[in-house]
Protein backbone atom coordinates (compact mmCIF):
# COMPACT_ATOMS: atom_id res chain seq x y z
CA MET A 1 56.80 1.85 10.11
CA LYS A 2 56.08 -0.69 12.84
CA ILE A 3 56.50 -4.36 12.01
CA GLU A 4 54.83 -6.64 14.50
CA LEU A 5 56.31 -10.12 14.78
CA LEU A 6 54.41 -12.93 16.46
CA SER A 7 55.93 -16.01 18.04
CA GLU A 8 54.71 -19.44 17.03
CA LYS A 9 52.53 -19.60 20.16
CA GLN A 10 51.05 -16.17 19.49
CA ALA A 11 50.31 -16.99 15.85
CA ALA A 12 48.73 -20.29 16.87
CA ARG A 13 46.56 -18.43 19.37
CA VAL A 14 45.42 -16.01 16.66
CA LEU A 15 44.50 -18.97 14.45
CA SER A 16 42.96 -20.98 17.33
CA ILE A 17 45.16 -23.98 16.55
CA HIS A 18 47.89 -25.93 18.34
CA PRO A 19 51.45 -24.67 17.75
CA GLY A 20 52.32 -28.15 16.49
CA THR A 21 49.98 -27.58 13.57
CA LEU A 22 52.08 -24.61 12.49
CA ARG A 23 55.23 -26.76 12.71
CA LEU A 24 53.58 -29.43 10.57
CA TRP A 25 52.49 -26.86 8.02
CA ARG A 26 56.02 -25.41 7.83
CA ARG A 27 57.51 -28.87 7.24
CA ASN A 28 54.96 -29.47 4.47
CA GLY A 29 55.42 -26.04 2.87
CA GLU A 30 51.89 -25.02 3.84
CA GLY A 31 50.31 -22.42 6.09
CA PRO A 32 51.09 -18.76 6.54
CA PRO A 33 54.45 -17.25 5.57
CA TRP A 34 57.05 -17.32 8.33
CA ILE A 35 60.50 -15.97 9.06
CA ASP A 36 63.50 -17.73 10.61
CA LEU A 37 65.41 -15.05 12.52
CA ALA A 38 68.35 -17.38 13.18
CA PRO A 39 68.89 -19.57 10.10
CA HIS A 40 72.43 -20.42 11.25
CA ARG A 41 71.16 -22.20 14.40
CA LYS A 42 70.04 -25.81 14.65
CA ARG A 43 66.63 -24.75 15.96
CA PRO A 44 64.92 -22.00 14.00
CA VAL A 45 63.70 -18.84 15.69
CA VAL A 46 60.34 -18.69 13.94
CA ARG A 47 58.27 -15.53 13.75
CA TYR A 48 55.18 -14.55 11.81
CA ARG A 49 54.59 -11.02 10.57
CA ALA A 50 51.19 -9.93 11.87
CA ASP A 51 50.26 -8.28 8.54
CA GLU A 52 51.23 -11.40 6.55
CA LEU A 53 49.29 -13.62 8.93
CA GLN A 54 46.23 -11.42 8.45
CA ARG A 55 46.63 -11.58 4.66
CA TRP A 56 46.87 -15.36 4.84
CA ILE A 57 43.73 -15.52 6.98
CA ASP A 58 41.90 -13.22 4.54
CA SER A 59 42.98 -15.42 1.61
CA ARG A 60 41.30 -18.42 3.28
CA GLU A 61 37.95 -16.67 3.56
CA GLY A 62 35.11 -18.39 1.75
CA ARG A 63 36.95 -21.62 1.00
CA ASP A 64 34.88 -24.79 1.05
CA GLY A 65 37.61 -26.99 2.49
CA ASN A 66 38.58 -28.51 -0.87
CA GLY A 67 41.72 -26.46 -1.26
């Protein structure tokens, strides 16, 4: 089984958004699921699983913008 992990920049590119938007979403408990590969460090090493990112994108399909 191959697990593809995307960096914050790569995930932002997939979503066509600024990486800062992903940081804001993480702080607010929003956005796609993410993983911190180094929880013991001051700065997280954030990665997004490609399959989870795709599921999150698919879950947004057809929304009217009202949540």
